[in-house]
C-alpha atoms as a PDB file:
ATOM      1  CA  MET A   1      -5.272  12.960  28.515  1.00  0.00           C
ATOM      2  CA  SER A   2      -4.754   9.952  26.253  1.00  0.00           C
ATOM      3  CA  LYS A   3      -7.197   9.251  23.450  1.00  0.00           C
ATOM      4  CA  VAL A   4      -9.609   6.381  24.083  1.00  0.00           C
ATOM      5  CA  HIS A   5     -11.755   6.180  20.947  1.00  0.00           C
ATOM      6  CA  LYS A   6     -10.949   4.058  17.905  1.00  0.00           C
ATOM      7  CA  PHE A   7     -10.383   6.059  14.729  1.00  0.00           C
ATOM      8  CA  VAL A   8      -9.038   6.059  11.168  1.00  0.00           C
ATOM      9  CA  ILE A   9      -6.281   8.509  10.285  1.00  0.00           C
ATOM     10  CA  THR A  10      -4.074   9.186   7.241  1.00  0.00           C
ATOM     11  CA  ASN A  11      -0.373   9.870   7.029  1.00  0.00           C
ATOM     12  CA  PRO A  12      -0.318  12.797   4.549  1.00  0.00           C
ATOM     13  CA  ASP A  13       3.304  12.109   3.620  1.00  0.00           C
ATOM     14  CA  MET A  14       2.221   8.798   2.085  1.00  0.00           C
ATOM     15  CA  CYS A  15      -1.125   9.786   0.528  1.00  0.00           C
ATOM     16  CA  ILE A  16      -1.150  10.127  -3.283  1.00  0.00           C
ATOM     17  CA  ALA A  17      -4.772  11.369  -3.557  1.00  0.00           C
ATOM     18  CA  CYS A  18      -5.794   8.458  -5.792  1.00  0.00           C
ATOM     19  CA  ASN A  19      -9.403   8.502  -4.445  1.00  0.00           C
ATOM     20  CA  ALA A  20      -9.441   4.702  -4.040  1.00  0.00           C
ATOM     21  CA  CYS A  21     -10.609   5.181  -0.448  1.00  0.00           C
ATOM     22  CA  MET A  22     -13.599   7.278  -1.522  1.00  0.00           C
ATOM     23  CA  LYS A  23     -14.716   4.676  -4.071  1.00  0.00           C
ATOM     24  CA  ALA A  24     -14.411   1.861  -1.524  1.00  0.00           C
ATOM     25  CA  CYS A  25     -16.314   3.930   1.039  1.00  0.00           C
ATOM     26  CA  VAL A  26     -19.331   4.396  -1.240  1.00  0.00           C
ATOM     27  CA  LYS A  27     -19.298   0.744  -2.367  1.00  0.00           C
ATOM     28  CA  HIS A  28     -19.257  -0.678   1.146  1.00  0.00           C
ATOM     29  CA  ALA A  29     -21.818   1.807   2.438  1.00  0.00           C
ATOM     30  CA  TYR A  30     -24.213   0.474  -0.224  1.00  0.00           C
ATOM     31  CA  ILE A  31     -23.392  -3.135   0.687  1.00  0.00           C
ATOM     32  CA  ARG A  32     -24.182  -2.390   4.344  1.00  0.00           C
ATOM     33  CA  GLY A  33     -27.547  -0.814   3.475  1.00  0.00           C
ATOM     34  CA  LYS A  34     -26.384   2.740   4.188  1.00  0.00           C
ATOM     35  CA  LEU A  35     -26.721   5.752   1.921  1.00  0.00           C
ATOM     36  CA  ALA A  36     -24.345   5.225  -1.002  1.00  0.00           C
ATOM     37  CA  LYS A  37     -22.419   8.399  -0.231  1.00  0.00           C
ATOM     38  CA  THR A  38     -18.768   8.872   0.580  1.00  0.00           C
ATOM     39  CA  ARG A  39     -17.952   9.362   4.245  1.00  0.00           C
ATOM     40  CA  LEU A  40     -14.556  10.902   3.607  1.00  0.00           C
ATOM     41  CA  ASP A  41     -13.263  13.546   1.210  1.00  0.00           C
ATOM     42  CA  VAL A  42      -9.764  13.538  -0.279  1.00  0.00           C
ATOM     43  CA  LEU A  43      -8.246  17.008   0.027  1.00  0.00           C
ATOM     44  CA  SER A  44      -5.333  18.238  -2.099  1.00  0.00           C
ATOM     45  CA  LEU A  45      -3.849  21.330  -0.487  1.00  0.00           C
ATOM     46  CA  GLU A  46      -0.526  23.134  -0.681  1.00  0.00           C
ATOM     47  CA  SER A  47       0.352  21.653   2.707  1.00  0.00           C
ATOM     48  CA  GLY A  48      -0.310  18.099   1.554  1.00  0.00           C
ATOM     49  CA  LYS A  49      -2.859  15.499   0.474  1.00  0.00           C
ATOM     50  CA  MET A  50      -5.061  13.323   2.654  1.00  0.00           C
ATOM     51  CA  PRO A  51      -8.644  12.143   3.179  1.00  0.00           C
ATOM     52  CA  ASN A  52     -10.598  14.138   5.741  1.00  0.00           C
ATOM     53  CA  GLN A  53     -12.899  12.002   7.870  1.00  0.00           C
ATOM     54  CA  CYS A  54     -14.369  11.728  11.356  1.00  0.00           C
ATOM     55  CA  ARG A  55     -11.704  11.768  14.103  1.00  0.00           C
ATOM     56  CA  GLN A  56     -14.044   9.991  16.560  1.00  0.00           C
ATOM     57  CA  CYS A  57     -13.446  12.746  19.154  1.00  0.00           C
ATOM     58  CA  ASP A  58     -13.452  11.636  22.782  1.00  0.00           C
ATOM     59  CA  ASP A  59     -15.534  14.681  23.756  1.00  0.00           C
ATOM     60  CA  ALA A  60     -17.619  14.554  20.509  1.00  0.00           C
ATOM     61  CA  PRO A  61     -19.007  18.105  19.992  1.00  0.00           C
ATOM     62  CA  CYS A  62     -21.347  16.700  17.317  1.00  0.00           C
ATOM     63  CA  ALA A  63     -22.949  14.280  19.795  1.00  0.00           C
ATOM     64  CA  ASN A  64     -23.263  17.006  22.406  1.00  0.00           C
ATOM     65  CA  VAL A  65     -25.430  19.179  20.127  1.00  0.00           C
ATOM     66  CA  CYS A  66     -27.490  16.423  18.446  1.00  0.00           C
ATOM     67  CA  PRO A  67     -31.133  16.998  19.488  1.00  0.00           C
ATOM     68  CA  THR A  68     -32.342  13.468  18.727  1.00  0.00           C
ATOM     69  CA  GLY A  69     -29.456  11.344  20.004  1.00  0.00           C
ATOM     70  CA  ALA A  70     -28.685  10.144  16.486  1.00  0.00           C
ATOM     71  CA  LEU A  71     -25.057  10.890  17.271  1.00  0.00           C
ATOM     72  CA  ARG A  72     -23.860   9.258  20.469  1.00  0.00           C
ATOM     73  CA  ILE A  73     -20.706   8.018  22.152  1.00  0.00           C
ATOM     74  CA  ALA A  74     -20.770   4.209  22.310  1.00  0.00           C
ATOM     75  CA  ASN A  75     -18.495   1.246  21.595  1.00  0.00           C
ATOM     76  CA  SER A  76     -15.366   3.414  21.840  1.00  0.00           C
ATOM     77  CA  CYS A  77     -16.387   5.681  18.988  1.00  0.00           C
ATOM     78  CA  VAL A  78     -18.995   8.240  17.896  1.00  0.00           C
ATOM     79  CA  GLU A  79     -21.909   6.285  16.444  1.00  0.00           C
ATOM     80  CA  LEU A  80     -24.517   7.637  14.045  1.00  0.00           C
ATOM     81  CA  CYS A  81     -28.022   6.189  13.890  1.00  0.00           C
ATOM     82  CA  GLU A  82     -29.135   7.348  10.451  1.00  0.00           C
ATOM     83  CA  GLU A  83     -32.736   6.239  11.053  1.00  0.00           C
ATOM     84  CA  ILE A  84     -33.423   8.925  13.693  1.00  0.00           C
ATOM     85  CA  CYS A  85     -31.327  11.748  12.200  1.00  0.00           C
ATOM     86  CA  ILE A  86     -33.509  14.735  11.241  1.00  0.00           C
ATOM     87  CA  GLY A  87     -30.883  16.536   9.142  1.00  0.00           C
ATOM     88  CA  CYS A  88     -30.827  19.661  11.323  1.00  0.00           C
ATOM     89  CA  LYS A  89     -27.140  20.356  10.438  1.00  0.00           C
ATOM     90  CA  LEU A  90     -26.150  21.250  14.005  1.00  0.00           C
ATOM     91  CA  CYS A  91     -23.465  18.558  13.924  1.00  0.00           C
ATOM     92  CA  THR A  92     -21.923  20.032  10.771  1.00  0.00           C
ATOM     93  CA  ILE A  93     -21.548  23.348  12.599  1.00  0.00           C
ATOM     94  CA  ALA A  94     -20.138  21.786  15.765  1.00  0.00           C
ATOM     95  CA  CYS A  95     -17.598  19.486  14.065  1.00  0.00           C
ATOM     96  CA  PRO A  96     -14.170  21.166  14.293  1.00  0.00           C
ATOM     97  CA  TYR A  97     -12.817  19.156  11.356  1.00  0.00           C
ATOM     98  CA  GLY A  98     -15.606  19.592   8.816  1.00  0.00           C
ATOM     99  CA  ALA A  99     -15.901  15.810   8.776  1.00  0.00           C
ATOM    100  CA  ILE A 100     -19.726  15.629   8.794  1.00  0.00           C
ATOM    101  CA  HIS A 101     -21.987  16.719   5.973  1.00  0.00           C
ATOM    102  CA  ILE A 102     -25.676  16.459   5.141  1.00  0.00           C
ATOM    103  CA  ASP A 103     -26.669  14.428   2.109  1.00  0.00           C
ATOM    104  CA  ALA A 104     -29.443  12.278   0.669  1.00  0.00           C
ATOM    105  CA  GLU A 105     -30.170  10.038  -2.268  1.00  0.00           C
ATOM    106  CA  PHE A 106     -33.271   9.610  -4.368  1.00  0.00           C
ATOM    107  CA  PRO A 107     -35.089   6.298  -3.857  1.00  0.00           C
ATOM    108  CA  PRO A 108     -36.364   4.566  -7.003  1.00  0.00           C
ATOM    109  CA  SER A 109     -39.988   5.435  -6.134  1.00  0.00           C
ATOM    110  CA  ILE A 110     -39.468   9.147  -6.826  1.00  0.00           C
ATOM    111  CA  LYS A 111     -36.967   9.102  -9.705  1.00  0.00           C
ATOM    112  CA  GLU A 112     -39.623  10.249 -12.200  1.00  0.00           C
ATOM    113  CA  GLU A 113     -40.564  13.148  -9.926  1.00  0.00           C
ATOM    114  CA  VAL A 114     -36.906  14.153  -9.618  1.00  0.00           C
ATOM    115  CA  GLU A 115     -36.420  14.169 -13.367  1.00  0.00           C
ATOM    116  CA  ALA A 116     -39.574  16.238 -13.861  1.00  0.00           C
ATOM    117  CA  HIS A 117     -38.788  18.764 -11.115  1.00  0.00           C
ATOM    118  CA  LEU A 118     -35.026  19.212 -11.127  1.00  0.00           C
ATOM    119  CA  GLU A 119     -35.407  22.836 -10.069  1.00  0.00           C
ATOM    120  CA  ALA A 120     -37.375  21.957  -6.924  1.00  0.00           C
ATOM    121  CA  GLY A 121     -35.602  22.593  -3.622  1.00  0.00           C
ATOM    122  CA  CYS A 122     -37.586  19.956  -1.743  1.00  0.00           C
ATOM    123  CA  LEU A 123     -39.143  16.755  -3.011  1.00  0.00           C
ATOM    124  CA  SER A 124     -41.460  14.312  -1.381  1.00  0.00           C
ATOM    125  CA  GLY A 125     -39.810  11.116  -0.195  1.00  0.00           C
ATOM    126  CA  LEU A 126     -36.340  12.620   0.113  1.00  0.00           C
ATOM    127  CA  LYS A 127     -34.779  12.748   3.573  1.00  0.00           C
ATOM    128  CA  SER A 128     -31.465  14.480   4.216  1.00  0.00           C
ATOM    129  CA  ILE A 129     -29.343  13.023   7.003  1.00  0.00           C
ATOM    130  CA  ALA A 130     -25.879  13.387   8.509  1.00  0.00           C
ATOM    131  CA  ILE A 131     -23.077  11.456   6.823  1.00  0.00           C
ATOM    132  CA  LYS A 132     -19.885  10.595   8.700  1.00  0.00           C
ATOM    133  CA  CYS A 133     -17.296   7.840   8.950  1.00  0.00           C
ATOM    134  CA  ASP A 134     -18.506   4.870  10.996  1.00  0.00           C
ATOM    135  CA  MET A 135     -15.376   2.794  10.308  1.00  0.00           C
ATOM    136  CA  CYS A 136     -17.473   0.369   8.209  1.00  0.00           C
ATOM    137  CA  GLU A 137     -19.401  -0.975  11.174  1.00  0.00           C
ATOM    138  CA  GLY A 138     -20.650  -4.471  10.443  1.00  0.00           C
ATOM    139  CA  ILE A 139     -17.703  -5.511   8.266  1.00  0.00           C
ATOM    140  CA  GLU A 140     -15.398  -7.976  10.028  1.00  0.00           C
ATOM    141  CA  THR A 141     -12.373  -6.933   8.004  1.00  0.00           C
ATOM    142  CA  GLY A 142     -12.652  -3.355   9.255  1.00  0.00           C
ATOM    143  CA  PRO A 143     -12.642  -0.020   7.401  1.00  0.00           C
ATOM    144  CA  ALA A 144     -12.687  -0.542   3.634  1.00  0.00           C
ATOM    145  CA  CYS A 145     -10.615   2.577   2.988  1.00  0.00           C
ATOM    146  CA  VAL A 146      -7.702   1.122   4.963  1.00  0.00           C
ATOM    147  CA  SER A 147      -7.792  -2.159   3.030  1.00  0.00           C
ATOM    148  CA  VAL A 148      -7.706  -0.558  -0.440  1.00  0.00           C
ATOM    149  CA  CYS A 149      -5.117   2.178   0.172  1.00  0.00           C
ATOM    150  CA  PRO A 150      -2.278   1.389  -2.295  1.00  0.00           C
ATOM    151  CA  THR A 151       0.419   3.068  -0.183  1.00  0.00           C
ATOM    152  CA  GLY A 152      -0.765   2.102   3.309  1.00  0.00           C
ATOM    153  CA  ALA A 153      -1.270   5.747   4.252  1.00  0.00           C
ATOM    154  CA  LEU A 154      -4.568   4.982   6.005  1.00  0.00           C
ATOM    155  CA  VAL A 155      -4.521   3.186   9.348  1.00  0.00           C
ATOM    156  CA  PHE A 156      -7.210   2.048  11.778  1.00  0.00           C
ATOM    157  CA  VAL A 157      -6.118   2.742  15.361  1.00  0.00           C
ATOM    158  CA  ASP A 158      -7.368   1.265  18.623  1.00  0.00           C
ATOM    159  CA  PRO A 159      -5.428   3.173  21.315  1.00  0.00           C
ATOM    160  CA  ILE A 160      -6.851   1.155  24.217  1.00  0.00           C
ATOM    161  CA  LEU A 161      -5.791  -2.239  22.868  1.00  0.00           C
ATOM    162  CA  GLY A 162      -2.650  -0.757  21.356  1.00  0.00           C
ATOM    163  CA  GLU A 163      -3.461  -2.268  17.975  1.00  0.00           C
ATOM    164  CA  CYS A 164      -3.543  -0.956  14.433  1.00  0.00           C
ATOM    165  CA  LYS A 165      -4.899  -2.270  11.161  1.00  0.00           C
ATOM    166  CA  PHE A 166      -2.930  -1.460   8.021  1.00  0.00           C
ATOM    167  CA  GLY A 167      -3.394  -2.043   4.307  1.00  0.00           C
ATOM    168  CA  LYS A 168      -1.698  -4.834   2.380  1.00  0.00           C
ATOM    169  CA  LYS A 169       1.359  -2.718   1.597  1.00  0.00           C
ATOM    170  CA  VAL A 170       2.723   0.054   3.812  1.00  0.00           C
ATOM    171  CA  LYS A 171       5.167   2.041   1.694  1.00  0.00           C
ATOM    172  CA  GLY A 172       6.602   4.166   4.472  1.00  0.00           C
ATOM    173  CA  ASP A 173       7.573   4.251   8.124  1.00  0.00           C
ATOM    174  CA  MET A 174       4.365   4.716  10.147  1.00  0.00           C
ATOM    175  CA  GLU A 175       5.988   4.577  13.593  1.00  0.00           C
ATOM    176  CA  PRO A 176       6.955   8.303  13.868  1.00  0.00           C
ATOM    177  CA  PHE A 177       3.546   9.339  12.549  1.00  0.00           C
ATOM    178  CA  LEU A 178       1.616   7.206  15.037  1.00  0.00           C
ATOM    179  CA  LYS A 179       3.902   8.343  17.852  1.00  0.00           C
ATOM    180  CA  ALA A 180       2.990  11.946  17.070  1.00  0.00           C
ATOM    181  CA  ILE A 181      -0.747  11.170  16.855  1.00  0.00           C
ATOM    182  CA  VAL A 182      -1.027   8.914  19.920  1.00  0.00           C
ATOM    183  CA  PRO A 183       2.126   9.589  21.968  1.00  0.00           C
ATOM    184  CA  ASN A 184       1.052   7.633  25.052  1.00  0.00           C
ATOM    185  CA  THR A 185       0.303   4.364  23.238  1.00  0.00           C
ATOM    186  CA  VAL A 186       2.826   1.704  22.259  1.00  0.00           C
ATOM    187  CA  PHE A 187       1.880  -0.215  19.115  1.00  0.00           C
ATOM    188  CA  LYS A 188       3.489  -3.616  18.624  1.00  0.00           C
ATOM    189  CA  ASN A 189       2.172  -4.523  15.182  1.00  0.00           C
ATOM    190  CA  ILE A 190       3.582  -1.719  13.008  1.00  0.00           C
ATOM    191  CA  PRO A 191       4.858  -3.423   9.830  1.00  0.00           C
ATOM    192  CA  GLU A 192       8.200  -2.768   8.198  1.00  0.00           C
ATOM    193  CA  PRO A 193       7.928  -0.445   5.173  1.00  0.00           C
ATOM    194  CA  PHE A 194       7.293  -2.307   1.926  1.00  0.00           C
ATOM    195  CA  VAL A 195      10.237  -1.919  -0.425  1.00  0.00           C
ATOM    196  CA  LYS A 196       9.717  -2.853  -4.039  1.00  0.00           C
ATOM    197  CA  LYS A 197      12.502  -5.073  -5.243  1.00  0.00           C
ATOM    198  CA  PRO A 198      14.231  -3.735  -8.361  1.00  0.00           C
ATOM    199  CA  LYS A 199      13.830  -5.773 -11.478  1.00  0.00           C
ATOM    200  CA  PRO A 200      16.943  -7.689 -12.437  1.00  0.00           C
ATOM    201  CA  ALA A 201      18.803  -6.184 -15.336  1.00  0.00           C
ATOM    202  CA  PRO A 202      18.281  -8.102 -18.573  1.00  0.00           C
ATOM    203  CA  GLU A 203      21.213 -10.292 -19.475  1.00  0.00           C
ATOM    204  CA  GLN A 204      23.097  -9.015 -22.459  1.00  0.00           C
ATOM    205  CA  ALA A 205      23.493 -11.423 -25.303  1.00  0.00           C
ATOM    206  CA  ALA A 206      27.021 -12.752 -25.533  1.00  0.00           C
ATOM    207  CA  THR A 207      28.846 -11.571 -28.640  1.00  0.00           C
ATOM    208  CA  PRO A 208      31.379 -13.878 -30.275  1.00  0.00           C
ATOM    209  CA  ASN A 209      35.003 -12.725 -30.051  1.00  0.00           C
ATOM    210  CA  SER A 210      36.124 -11.211 -33.294  1.00  0.00           C
ATOM    211  CA  GLU A 211      39.038 -12.984 -34.964  1.00  0.00           C
ATOM    212  CA  VAL A 212      42.203 -10.963 -35.359  1.00  0.00           C
END
């Protein structure tokens, strides 16, 4: 069966593990009023380098086990409503990719308490919730990680519309990669690989002919 959900994926052959995507993820999460935590993790393994993030599964095991409906299939993706998440961690167990984790941040009202009780396992005012990629919902330009990737390794894919969103420079051929990921979809907007033009060689200063 063909994939129907939108998703962000990385070509590991083009990833250089620069962590620019993680920094952009945290920055834009804060701008959107979300927890200022990264929603993807850059992995450097023997088999390659790439960010690991939500695959927006069509069957969504995480949504199937969520007891509150905080995770749900809607708008051609797996949405997360952080406000009703209870941090039960069932989704982290169900996710086959390890792309969901539980995290929290300390609001300014309890910073003094945190500093005074660093050894405490639980503090008042702190709520742990699920963190996963939501493809920067609410930003018209799309996922921030895709826009900042310096090699174009990250791509936002909409298999139903047959469209992709790439970074400013794509320094490799993405067509074989996308064909392997979504074999039943034909994408018409795959850009040609960016090739850096070599700098012209400096002109050598002309030397006067020596007199014989």
